Amino acid sequence: MKLTILGFNSAIPTINSHPSSQLLDIQENLFLIDCGEGTQVQLRRAKAKFSKINHIFISHLHGDHVFGLIGLISTFLLLGRENILNIYGPKGIKMFIENQLSLTESYQIFKLNFVELSSKDSQLIYEDNKLTVHTIPLDHRVYTNGFIFKEKAKPKRLNIESINQYPQIEVCDYHNLKLGKDWVSEDGKTTISNEKLTYEAKHSYSYAYCSDTSYKPDIIDLIKDVDVLYHESTFLNDLEDLARKTKHSTALEAAKIAKEAKVKHLILGHFSNRYSDFSVFQEEAETIFPSTLLPRELETFDFEKM
């Protein structure tokens, strides 16, 4: 699992930073999370393959999280895309996009599949043979969700050197060995334990994306023990009253969530433009959660190496 930061600042783009957008690579499948203004340019800079993006997750309908979406869709049209594009977001996102396509008289040559969300409870919104995606209900000025991506348990790895010591084990047995089953002869008289024939499965990674939200401790159970948590931290704690008023979080509050959820790493983001030095966010969070990281645009976090 690899996470590329396309943009991480709050509402107004700057020369050196873009609004919220991330690209999550899970076993070479690309998932786009939020799509602020300029996202497609950042995707180009990241050398991402547009054709591999089939699922886009939008946390809420504030512009700094969605204004780049119509531009990206328009580019897909110009590139002659044929694959279905699945867009998961709040109720209203279908109208938001289709109105723009209609008013610009864009000729739609591929299908847009909208999965509109309205539940205030966590729900499974995507699943394949490798992972699941659930919503994380958040508390912002408009209906907002975060998303948690969890790899499914991976098969055990074959110990070919050990397997070769048993000529009676055939290739057709490998599937059951990967599932953790012992090898049993056809007559049932001989059993070889799975531990002798396999290595432990590789770690299954998890990632939680918590977009704009007030401090919300009730999400802790949903994100318990994830490998990496991204949590917005628009303000420092001396502006806690402003954070509460605007339905945002402080760096200290994000760190409290990370500590209580026992996550391995915390990435901060969505910093207010009033701050010129983002290191102050890391310093504040590290007072209670040492494994706090600051994002850099186009930086890729490789979960296996963190």
C-alpha atoms as a PDB file:
ATOM      1  CA  MET A   1       0.000   0.000   0.000  1.00  0.00           C
ATOM      2  CA  LYS A   2       1.403   3.370  -1.053  1.00  0.00           C
ATOM      3  CA  LEU A   3      -0.066   6.833  -0.492  1.00  0.00           C
ATOM      4  CA  THR A   4       0.854   9.800  -2.697  1.00  0.00           C
ATOM      5  CA  ILE A   5      -0.069  13.257  -1.426  1.00  0.00           C
ATOM      6  CA  LEU A   6      -1.363  15.347  -4.334  1.00  0.00           C
ATOM      7  CA  GLY A   7      -2.565  18.244  -2.182  1.00  0.00           C
ATOM      8  CA  PHE A   8      -2.943  18.896   1.524  1.00  0.00           C
ATOM      9  CA  ASN A   9      -3.682  22.561   2.235  1.00  0.00           C
ATOM     10  CA  SER A  10      -7.023  24.078   3.155  1.00  0.00           C
ATOM     11  CA  ALA A  11      -9.471  26.031   0.990  1.00  0.00           C
ATOM     12  CA  ILE A  12      -7.265  28.428  -0.990  1.00  0.00           C
ATOM     13  CA  PRO A  13      -4.553  27.060  -3.321  1.00  0.00           C
ATOM     14  CA  THR A  14      -1.098  28.629  -3.065  1.00  0.00           C
ATOM     15  CA  ILE A  15       1.925  28.650  -5.329  1.00  0.00           C
ATOM     16  CA  ASN A  16       3.455  25.778  -3.410  1.00  0.00           C
ATOM     17  CA  SER A  17       0.439  23.788  -2.259  1.00  0.00           C
ATOM     18  CA  HIS A  18      -2.852  22.459  -3.585  1.00  0.00           C
ATOM     19  CA  PRO A  19      -6.182  21.575  -1.951  1.00  0.00           C
ATOM     20  CA  SER A  20      -6.973  18.105  -0.689  1.00  0.00           C
ATOM     21  CA  SER A  21      -6.346  15.097  -2.904  1.00  0.00           C
ATOM     22  CA  GLN A  22      -4.566  11.787  -2.440  1.00  0.00           C
ATOM     23  CA  LEU A  23      -3.777   8.754  -4.559  1.00  0.00           C
ATOM     24  CA  LEU A  24      -3.788   5.381  -2.818  1.00  0.00           C
ATOM     25  CA  ASP A  25      -2.031   2.485  -4.575  1.00  0.00           C
ATOM     26  CA  ILE A  26      -3.185  -0.883  -3.273  1.00  0.00           C
ATOM     27  CA  GLN A  27      -1.484  -3.773  -5.038  1.00  0.00           C
ATOM     28  CA  GLU A  28      -1.247  -1.638  -8.222  1.00  0.00           C
ATOM     29  CA  ASN A  29      -4.915  -0.579  -8.126  1.00  0.00           C
ATOM     30  CA  LEU A  30      -5.305   3.200  -7.866  1.00  0.00           C
ATOM     31  CA  PHE A  31      -7.929   4.901  -5.699  1.00  0.00           C
ATOM     32  CA  LEU A  32      -8.342   8.698  -5.761  1.00  0.00           C
ATOM     33  CA  ILE A  33      -9.406  10.291  -2.484  1.00  0.00           C
ATOM     34  CA  ASP A  34     -10.888  13.785  -2.816  1.00  0.00           C
ATOM     35  CA  CYS A  35     -10.266  15.900  -5.883  1.00  0.00           C
ATOM     36  CA  GLY A  36      -9.533  19.540  -5.117  1.00  0.00           C
ATOM     37  CA  GLU A  37      -8.672  22.112  -7.758  1.00  0.00           C
ATOM     38  CA  GLY A  38      -5.608  21.169  -9.822  1.00  0.00           C
ATOM     39  CA  THR A  39      -5.719  17.475  -8.993  1.00  0.00           C
ATOM     40  CA  GLN A  40      -5.266  16.292 -12.570  1.00  0.00           C
ATOM     41  CA  VAL A  41      -2.125  18.421 -12.940  1.00  0.00           C
ATOM     42  CA  GLN A  42      -0.773  16.850  -9.767  1.00  0.00           C
ATOM     43  CA  LEU A  43      -1.601  13.401 -11.115  1.00  0.00           C
ATOM     44  CA  ARG A  44       0.482  14.237 -14.184  1.00  0.00           C
ATOM     45  CA  ARG A  45       3.348  15.362 -12.010  1.00  0.00           C
ATOM     46  CA  ALA A  46       3.092  12.155 -10.015  1.00  0.00           C
ATOM     47  CA  LYS A  47       3.221  10.212 -13.309  1.00  0.00           C
ATOM     48  CA  ALA A  48       0.043   8.363 -12.363  1.00  0.00           C
ATOM     49  CA  LYS A  49      -1.683   6.275 -15.020  1.00  0.00           C
ATOM     50  CA  PHE A  50      -5.107   7.829 -15.529  1.00  0.00           C
ATOM     51  CA  SER A  51      -6.450   4.583 -16.981  1.00  0.00           C
ATOM     52  CA  LYS A  52      -5.875   2.805 -13.646  1.00  0.00           C
ATOM     53  CA  ILE A  53      -8.133   5.202 -11.720  1.00  0.00           C
ATOM     54  CA  ASN A  54     -11.550   3.543 -11.615  1.00  0.00           C
ATOM     55  CA  HIS A  55     -12.742   4.596  -8.158  1.00  0.00           C
ATOM     56  CA  ILE A  56     -12.924   8.126  -6.730  1.00  0.00           C
ATOM     57  CA  PHE A  57     -13.961   8.830  -3.137  1.00  0.00           C
ATOM     58  CA  ILE A  58     -15.214  12.335  -2.296  1.00  0.00           C
ATOM     59  CA  SER A  59     -15.507  13.195   1.397  1.00  0.00           C
ATOM     60  CA  HIS A  60     -17.842  16.200   1.053  1.00  0.00           C
ATOM     61  CA  LEU A  61     -19.007  18.840  -1.377  1.00  0.00           C
ATOM     62  CA  HIS A  62     -16.868  21.790  -0.311  1.00  0.00           C
ATOM     63  CA  GLY A  63     -14.927  23.144  -3.271  1.00  0.00           C
ATOM     64  CA  ASP A  64     -11.441  22.419  -1.990  1.00  0.00           C
ATOM     65  CA  HIS A  65     -12.335  18.720  -2.046  1.00  0.00           C
ATOM     66  CA  VAL A  66     -14.324  18.466  -5.278  1.00  0.00           C
ATOM     67  CA  PHE A  67     -13.685  21.367  -7.687  1.00  0.00           C
ATOM     68  CA  GLY A  68     -11.055  19.346  -9.571  1.00  0.00           C
ATOM     69  CA  LEU A  69     -13.411  16.490 -10.357  1.00  0.00           C
ATOM     70  CA  ILE A  70     -15.183  17.905 -13.414  1.00  0.00           C
ATOM     71  CA  GLY A  71     -11.821  18.817 -14.954  1.00  0.00           C
ATOM     72  CA  LEU A  72     -10.522  15.299 -14.444  1.00  0.00           C
ATOM     73  CA  ILE A  73     -13.677  13.785 -15.936  1.00  0.00           C
ATOM     74  CA  SER A  74     -13.374  16.126 -18.927  1.00  0.00           C
ATOM     75  CA  THR A  75      -9.817  14.951 -19.474  1.00  0.00           C
ATOM     76  CA  PHE A  76     -10.974  11.332 -19.331  1.00  0.00           C
ATOM     77  CA  LEU A  77     -13.497  12.192 -22.052  1.00  0.00           C
ATOM     78  CA  LEU A  78     -10.839  13.780 -24.248  1.00  0.00           C
ATOM     79  CA  LEU A  79      -8.574  10.765 -23.778  1.00  0.00           C
ATOM     80  CA  GLY A  80     -11.316   8.458 -25.054  1.00  0.00           C
ATOM     81  CA  ARG A  81     -11.819   6.599 -21.814  1.00  0.00           C
ATOM     82  CA  GLU A  82     -14.164   3.601 -22.066  1.00  0.00           C
ATOM     83  CA  ASN A  83     -14.037   2.057 -18.587  1.00  0.00           C
ATOM     84  CA  ILE A  84     -16.728   2.805 -16.021  1.00  0.00           C
ATOM     85  CA  LEU A  85     -15.724   5.469 -13.480  1.00  0.00           C
ATOM     86  CA  ASN A  86     -17.161   4.875  -9.997  1.00  0.00           C
ATOM     87  CA  ILE A  87     -17.646   7.977  -7.858  1.00  0.00           C
ATOM     88  CA  TYR A  88     -18.534   7.655  -4.166  1.00  0.00           C
ATOM     89  CA  GLY A  89     -19.681  10.820  -2.432  1.00  0.00           C
ATOM     90  CA  PRO A  90     -22.463  12.672  -0.628  1.00  0.00           C
ATOM     91  CA  LYS A  91     -25.979  12.809  -2.003  1.00  0.00           C
ATOM     92  CA  GLY A  92     -25.988  15.570  -4.620  1.00  0.00           C
ATOM     93  CA  ILE A  93     -22.686  14.735  -6.265  1.00  0.00           C
ATOM     94  CA  LYS A  94     -24.471  13.155  -9.247  1.00  0.00           C
ATOM     95  CA  MET A  95     -26.403  16.357  -9.924  1.00  0.00           C
ATOM     96  CA  PHE A  96     -23.280  18.439  -9.295  1.00  0.00           C
ATOM     97  CA  ILE A  97     -21.324  16.655 -12.029  1.00  0.00           C
ATOM     98  CA  GLU A  98     -24.134  15.976 -14.517  1.00  0.00           C
ATOM     99  CA  ASN A  99     -25.214  19.638 -14.520  1.00  0.00           C
ATOM    100  CA  GLN A 100     -21.694  20.710 -15.466  1.00  0.00           C
ATOM    101  CA  LEU A 101     -21.489  18.103 -18.209  1.00  0.00           C
ATOM    102  CA  SER A 102     -24.867  19.185 -19.544  1.00  0.00           C
ATOM    103  CA  LEU A 103     -24.190  22.926 -19.490  1.00  0.00           C
ATOM    104  CA  THR A 104     -20.835  22.474 -21.245  1.00  0.00           C
ATOM    105  CA  GLU A 105     -22.472  20.122 -23.773  1.00  0.00           C
ATOM    106  CA  SER A 106     -19.892  17.454 -23.037  1.00  0.00           C
ATOM    107  CA  TYR A 107     -20.432  14.222 -24.942  1.00  0.00           C
ATOM    108  CA  GLN A 108     -20.268  11.379 -22.467  1.00  0.00           C
ATOM    109  CA  ILE A 109     -18.564   8.342 -23.966  1.00  0.00           C
ATOM    110  CA  PHE A 110     -18.070   6.309 -20.804  1.00  0.00           C
ATOM    111  CA  LYS A 111     -20.374   5.491 -17.907  1.00  0.00           C
ATOM    112  CA  LEU A 112     -20.288   7.365 -14.626  1.00  0.00           C
ATOM    113  CA  ASN A 113     -21.533   5.237 -11.744  1.00  0.00           C
ATOM    114  CA  PHE A 114     -22.444   7.402  -8.762  1.00  0.00           C
ATOM    115  CA  VAL A 115     -22.723   5.863  -5.303  1.00  0.00           C
ATOM    116  CA  GLU A 116     -24.406   8.601  -3.299  1.00  0.00           C
ATOM    117  CA  LEU A 117     -24.031   8.491   0.476  1.00  0.00           C
ATOM    118  CA  SER A 118     -26.359   9.805   3.149  1.00  0.00           C
ATOM    119  CA  SER A 119     -26.034   7.440   6.109  1.00  0.00           C
ATOM    120  CA  LYS A 120     -24.691   8.785   9.395  1.00  0.00           C
ATOM    121  CA  ASP A 121     -23.493   5.312  10.291  1.00  0.00           C
ATOM    122  CA  SER A 122     -20.375   3.613   8.949  1.00  0.00           C
ATOM    123  CA  GLN A 123     -21.166   1.466   5.934  1.00  0.00           C
ATOM    124  CA  LEU A 124     -19.352  -0.792   3.497  1.00  0.00           C
ATOM    125  CA  ILE A 125     -19.275   1.000   0.144  1.00  0.00           C
ATOM    126  CA  TYR A 126     -16.707  -1.010  -1.823  1.00  0.00           C
ATOM    127  CA  GLU A 127     -15.319  -4.519  -1.737  1.00  0.00           C
ATOM    128  CA  ASP A 128     -13.257  -6.707  -4.036  1.00  0.00           C
ATOM    129  CA  ASN A 129     -11.105  -9.781  -3.502  1.00  0.00           C
ATOM    130  CA  LYS A 130      -8.277  -7.688  -2.027  1.00  0.00           C
ATOM    131  CA  LEU A 131      -9.832  -4.995   0.153  1.00  0.00           C
ATOM    132  CA  THR A 132     -12.834  -3.325   1.710  1.00  0.00           C
ATOM    133  CA  VAL A 133     -13.721   0.363   2.008  1.00  0.00           C
ATOM    134  CA  HIS A 134     -15.990   1.645   4.779  1.00  0.00           C
ATOM    135  CA  THR A 135     -17.151   5.183   5.477  1.00  0.00           C
ATOM    136  CA  ILE A 136     -16.113   7.071   8.616  1.00  0.00           C
ATOM    137  CA  PRO A 137     -18.963   9.464   9.557  1.00  0.00           C
ATOM    138  CA  LEU A 138     -17.468  12.860  10.420  1.00  0.00           C
ATOM    139  CA  ASP A 139     -18.761  16.138  11.882  1.00  0.00           C
ATOM    140  CA  HIS A 140     -18.366  19.123   9.565  1.00  0.00           C
ATOM    141  CA  ARG A 141     -20.543  21.998   8.369  1.00  0.00           C
ATOM    142  CA  VAL A 142     -21.917  19.809   5.590  1.00  0.00           C
ATOM    143  CA  TYR A 143     -22.454  16.055   5.391  1.00  0.00           C
ATOM    144  CA  THR A 144     -18.958  14.508   5.400  1.00  0.00           C
ATOM    145  CA  ASN A 145     -17.363  11.080   5.457  1.00  0.00           C
ATOM    146  CA  GLY A 146     -13.867   9.810   5.875  1.00  0.00           C
ATOM    147  CA  PHE A 147     -12.869   6.454   4.420  1.00  0.00           C
ATOM    148  CA  ILE A 148     -11.035   3.430   5.775  1.00  0.00           C
ATOM    149  CA  PHE A 149      -9.277   1.102   3.355  1.00  0.00           C
ATOM    150  CA  LYS A 150      -8.423  -2.371   4.671  1.00  0.00           C
ATOM    151  CA  GLU A 151      -6.579  -5.087   2.811  1.00  0.00           C
ATOM    152  CA  LYS A 152      -8.063  -8.526   3.293  1.00  0.00           C
ATOM    153  CA  ALA A 153      -5.953 -11.254   4.845  1.00  0.00           C
ATOM    154  CA  LYS A 154      -3.299 -12.387   2.392  1.00  0.00           C
ATOM    155  CA  PRO A 155      -2.515 -16.043   1.650  1.00  0.00           C
ATOM    156  CA  LYS A 156       0.395 -17.729   3.349  1.00  0.00           C
ATOM    157  CA  ARG A 157       3.638 -17.917   1.379  1.00  0.00           C
ATOM    158  CA  LEU A 158       4.855 -21.281   0.168  1.00  0.00           C
ATOM    159  CA  ASN A 159       8.149 -22.664   1.484  1.00  0.00           C
ATOM    160  CA  ILE A 160       9.151 -24.316  -1.794  1.00  0.00           C
ATOM    161  CA  GLU A 161      12.414 -25.661  -0.388  1.00  0.00           C
ATOM    162  CA  SER A 162      10.508 -27.533   2.299  1.00  0.00           C
ATOM    163  CA  ILE A 163       7.731 -28.618  -0.062  1.00  0.00           C
ATOM    164  CA  ASN A 164      10.293 -30.156  -2.426  1.00  0.00           C
ATOM    165  CA  GLN A 165      11.281 -32.573   0.339  1.00  0.00           C
ATOM    166  CA  TYR A 166       7.870 -34.211  -0.017  1.00  0.00           C
ATOM    167  CA  PRO A 167       7.438 -35.581  -3.582  1.00  0.00           C
ATOM    168  CA  GLN A 168       3.842 -36.570  -2.811  1.00  0.00           C
ATOM    169  CA  ILE A 169       2.811 -32.902  -2.560  1.00  0.00           C
ATOM    170  CA  GLU A 170       1.581 -31.696  -5.950  1.00  0.00           C
ATOM    171  CA  VAL A 171       1.035 -28.235  -7.427  1.00  0.00           C
ATOM    172  CA  CYS A 172      -2.722 -28.700  -7.075  1.00  0.00           C
ATOM    173  CA  ASP A 173      -2.190 -28.800  -3.292  1.00  0.00           C
ATOM    174  CA  TYR A 174      -0.654 -25.333  -3.174  1.00  0.00           C
ATOM    175  CA  HIS A 175      -3.985 -23.514  -2.938  1.00  0.00           C
ATOM    176  CA  ASN A 176      -4.965 -25.269   0.282  1.00  0.00           C
ATOM    177  CA  LEU A 177      -1.514 -24.734   1.734  1.00  0.00           C
ATOM    178  CA  LYS A 178      -1.809 -20.992   1.088  1.00  0.00           C
ATOM    179  CA  LEU A 179      -5.118 -21.059   2.963  1.00  0.00           C
ATOM    180  CA  GLY A 180      -3.331 -22.500   5.986  1.00  0.00           C
ATOM    181  CA  LYS A 181      -4.495 -26.096   5.690  1.00  0.00           C
ATOM    182  CA  ASP A 182      -2.321 -29.080   6.533  1.00  0.00           C
ATOM    183  CA  TRP A 183      -1.406 -31.492   3.736  1.00  0.00           C
ATOM    184  CA  VAL A 184      -3.247 -34.804   4.080  1.00  0.00           C
ATOM    185  CA  SER A 185      -2.626 -37.822   1.847  1.00  0.00           C
ATOM    186  CA  GLU A 186      -5.507 -39.300  -0.141  1.00  0.00           C
ATOM    187  CA  ASP A 187      -5.734 -42.304   2.180  1.00  0.00           C
ATOM    188  CA  GLY A 188      -5.721 -40.010   5.213  1.00  0.00           C
ATOM    189  CA  LYS A 189      -2.807 -41.826   6.809  1.00  0.00           C
ATOM    190  CA  THR A 190      -0.199 -39.067   6.404  1.00  0.00           C
ATOM    191  CA  THR A 191      -0.459 -35.463   7.558  1.00  0.00           C
ATOM    192  CA  ILE A 192       2.172 -32.767   7.178  1.00  0.00           C
ATOM    193  CA  SER A 193       1.548 -29.618   9.215  1.00  0.00           C
ATOM    194  CA  ASN A 194       1.091 -26.385   7.351  1.00  0.00           C
ATOM    195  CA  GLU A 195       3.789 -24.705   9.435  1.00  0.00           C
ATOM    196  CA  LYS A 196       6.409 -26.978   7.842  1.00  0.00           C
ATOM    197  CA  LEU A 197       5.367 -26.032   4.325  1.00  0.00           C
ATOM    198  CA  THR A 198       4.639 -22.301   4.449  1.00  0.00           C
ATOM    199  CA  TYR A 199       5.777 -18.949   5.749  1.00  0.00           C
ATOM    200  CA  GLU A 200       3.494 -16.476   7.459  1.00  0.00           C
ATOM    201  CA  ALA A 201       1.404 -14.281   5.177  1.00  0.00           C
ATOM    202  CA  LYS A 202       2.553 -10.750   4.474  1.00  0.00           C
ATOM    203  CA  HIS A 203       0.989  -8.032   6.613  1.00  0.00           C
ATOM    204  CA  SER A 204      -2.378  -6.676   5.453  1.00  0.00           C
ATOM    205  CA  TYR A 205      -2.298  -2.893   5.605  1.00  0.00           C
ATOM    206  CA  SER A 206      -4.993  -0.393   6.500  1.00  0.00           C
ATOM    207  CA  TYR A 207      -5.408   3.337   5.895  1.00  0.00           C
ATOM    208  CA  ALA A 208      -7.903   5.785   7.397  1.00  0.00           C
ATOM    209  CA  TYR A 209      -8.601   9.160   5.781  1.00  0.00           C
ATOM    210  CA  CYS A 210     -10.338  11.657   8.052  1.00  0.00           C
ATOM    211  CA  SER A 211     -11.213  14.735   6.073  1.00  0.00           C
ATOM    212  CA  ASP A 212     -12.668  17.987   7.488  1.00  0.00           C
ATOM    213  CA  THR A 213     -14.191  17.334  10.896  1.00  0.00           C
ATOM    214  CA  SER A 214     -14.602  18.570  14.414  1.00  0.00           C
ATOM    215  CA  TYR A 215     -12.880  16.582  17.135  1.00  0.00           C
ATOM    216  CA  LYS A 216     -14.913  13.360  17.097  1.00  0.00           C
ATOM    217  CA  PRO A 217     -13.733  10.683  19.547  1.00  0.00           C
ATOM    218  CA  ASP A 218     -16.467   8.255  18.542  1.00  0.00           C
ATOM    219  CA  ILE A 219     -14.544   7.417  15.332  1.00  0.00           C
ATOM    220  CA  ILE A 220     -11.799   5.804  17.424  1.00  0.00           C
ATOM    221  CA  ASP A 221     -13.339   2.326  17.379  1.00  0.00           C
ATOM    222  CA  LEU A 222     -13.694   2.491  13.578  1.00  0.00           C
ATOM    223  CA  ILE A 223     -10.031   3.271  12.983  1.00  0.00           C
ATOM    224  CA  LYS A 224      -8.519   1.179  15.781  1.00  0.00           C
ATOM    225  CA  ASP A 225      -4.996  -0.106  15.036  1.00  0.00           C
ATOM    226  CA  VAL A 226      -4.795   1.163  11.444  1.00  0.00           C
ATOM    227  CA  ASP A 227      -1.303   1.420  10.005  1.00  0.00           C
ATOM    228  CA  VAL A 228      -1.647   5.019   8.844  1.00  0.00           C
ATOM    229  CA  LEU A 229      -4.175   7.711   9.764  1.00  0.00           C
ATOM    230  CA  TYR A 230      -4.546  10.986   7.882  1.00  0.00           C
ATOM    231  CA  HIS A 231      -6.407  13.489  10.041  1.00  0.00           C
ATOM    232  CA  GLU A 232      -7.104  17.112   9.270  1.00  0.00           C
ATOM    233  CA  SER A 233      -5.525  19.698  11.599  1.00  0.00           C
ATOM    234  CA  THR A 234      -6.587  23.089  10.314  1.00  0.00           C
ATOM    235  CA  PHE A 235      -5.525  24.997  13.435  1.00  0.00           C
ATOM    236  CA  LEU A 236      -3.199  24.822  16.408  1.00  0.00           C
ATOM    237  CA  ASN A 237      -4.753  24.280  19.817  1.00  0.00           C
ATOM    238  CA  ASP A 238      -4.617  27.955  20.814  1.00  0.00           C
ATOM    239  CA  LEU A 239      -7.389  28.451  18.231  1.00  0.00           C
ATOM    240  CA  GLU A 240      -9.515  25.610  19.580  1.00  0.00           C
ATOM    241  CA  ASP A 241     -12.549  27.915  19.796  1.00  0.00           C
ATOM    242  CA  LEU A 242     -12.223  28.797  16.110  1.00  0.00           C
ATOM    243  CA  ALA A 243     -11.818  25.122  15.234  1.00  0.00           C
ATOM    244  CA  ARG A 244     -15.010  24.326  17.105  1.00  0.00           C
ATOM    245  CA  LYS A 245     -16.876  27.203  15.421  1.00  0.00           C
ATOM    246  CA  THR A 246     -15.783  26.192  11.896  1.00  0.00           C
ATOM    247  CA  LYS A 247     -16.119  22.450  12.549  1.00  0.00           C
ATOM    248  CA  HIS A 248     -12.429  21.677  12.142  1.00  0.00           C
ATOM    249  CA  SER A 249      -9.766  20.032  14.331  1.00  0.00           C
ATOM    250  CA  THR A 250      -6.493  21.110  15.887  1.00  0.00           C
ATOM    251  CA  ALA A 251      -3.205  19.259  15.613  1.00  0.00           C
ATOM    252  CA  LEU A 252      -3.453  18.299  19.287  1.00  0.00           C
ATOM    253  CA  GLU A 253      -6.938  16.863  18.774  1.00  0.00           C
ATOM    254  CA  ALA A 254      -5.771  14.837  15.768  1.00  0.00           C
ATOM    255  CA  ALA A 255      -2.947  13.456  17.907  1.00  0.00           C
ATOM    256  CA  LYS A 256      -5.415  12.508  20.662  1.00  0.00           C
ATOM    257  CA  ILE A 257      -7.447  10.527  18.137  1.00  0.00           C
ATOM    258  CA  ALA A 258      -4.300   8.783  16.861  1.00  0.00           C
ATOM    259  CA  LYS A 259      -3.134   7.919  20.378  1.00  0.00           C
ATOM    260  CA  GLU A 260      -6.485   6.578  21.565  1.00  0.00           C
ATOM    261  CA  ALA A 261      -6.951   4.566  18.352  1.00  0.00           C
ATOM    262  CA  LYS A 262      -3.432   3.129  18.714  1.00  0.00           C
ATOM    263  CA  VAL A 263      -2.586   3.793  15.079  1.00  0.00           C
ATOM    264  CA  LYS A 264       1.001   3.311  13.959  1.00  0.00           C
ATOM    265  CA  HIS A 265       1.506   6.617  12.124  1.00  0.00           C
ATOM    266  CA  LEU A 266      -0.357   9.933  11.888  1.00  0.00           C
ATOM    267  CA  ILE A 267      -0.189  12.263   8.878  1.00  0.00           C
ATOM    268  CA  LEU A 268      -1.500  15.786   9.435  1.00  0.00           C
ATOM    269  CA  GLY A 269      -2.987  18.058   6.773  1.00  0.00           C
ATOM    270  CA  HIS A 270      -5.513  20.710   5.690  1.00  0.00           C
ATOM    271  CA  PHE A 271      -3.521  23.499   7.325  1.00  0.00           C
ATOM    272  CA  SER A 272      -5.012  27.001   7.496  1.00  0.00           C
ATOM    273  CA  ASN A 273      -3.318  29.549   5.241  1.00  0.00           C
ATOM    274  CA  ARG A 274      -2.661  31.721   8.280  1.00  0.00           C
ATOM    275  CA  TYR A 275       0.356  29.490   9.030  1.00  0.00           C
ATOM    276  CA  SER A 276       3.550  29.809   6.976  1.00  0.00           C
ATOM    277  CA  ASP A 277       5.557  27.194   8.894  1.00  0.00           C
ATOM    278  CA  PHE A 278       3.777  23.850   9.044  1.00  0.00           C
ATOM    279  CA  SER A 279       6.355  22.330  11.390  1.00  0.00           C
ATOM    280  CA  VAL A 280       4.455  23.863  14.312  1.00  0.00           C
ATOM    281  CA  PHE A 281       1.642  21.369  13.671  1.00  0.00           C
ATOM    282  CA  GLN A 282       4.019  18.441  13.959  1.00  0.00           C
ATOM    283  CA  GLU A 283       5.588  19.864  17.109  1.00  0.00           C
ATOM    284  CA  GLU A 284       2.195  20.232  18.783  1.00  0.00           C
ATOM    285  CA  ALA A 285       1.002  16.751  17.849  1.00  0.00           C
ATOM    286  CA  GLU A 286       4.272  15.082  18.845  1.00  0.00           C
ATOM    287  CA  THR A 287       3.768  16.158  22.443  1.00  0.00           C
ATOM    288  CA  ILE A 288       1.292  13.279  22.791  1.00  0.00           C
ATOM    289  CA  PHE A 289       1.817  11.204  19.623  1.00  0.00           C
ATOM    290  CA  PRO A 290       5.489  10.974  18.582  1.00  0.00           C
ATOM    291  CA  SER A 291       4.915   9.138  15.288  1.00  0.00           C
ATOM    292  CA  THR A 292       3.470  12.210  13.569  1.00  0.00           C
ATOM    293  CA  LEU A 293       4.398  13.079   9.998  1.00  0.00           C
ATOM    294  CA  LEU A 294       4.005  16.169   7.827  1.00  0.00           C
ATOM    295  CA  PRO A 295       3.054  15.719   4.162  1.00  0.00           C
ATOM    296  CA  ARG A 296       4.921  17.153   1.205  1.00  0.00           C
ATOM    297  CA  GLU A 297       3.292  17.509  -2.176  1.00  0.00           C
ATOM    298  CA  LEU A 298       3.898  14.510  -4.435  1.00  0.00           C
ATOM    299  CA  GLU A 299       5.537  12.641  -1.568  1.00  0.00           C
ATOM    300  CA  THR A 300       4.756   8.929  -1.499  1.00  0.00           C
ATOM    301  CA  PHE A 301       4.465   7.054   1.780  1.00  0.00           C
ATOM    302  CA  ASP A 302       5.280   3.373   1.298  1.00  0.00           C
ATOM    303  CA  PHE A 303       3.538   1.661   4.218  1.00  0.00           C
ATOM    304  CA  GLU A 304       5.934  -1.292   4.146  1.00  0.00           C
ATOM    305  CA  LYS A 305       8.891   1.039   4.706  1.00  0.00           C
ATOM    306  CA  MET A 306       7.369   3.338   7.327  1.00  0.00           C
END
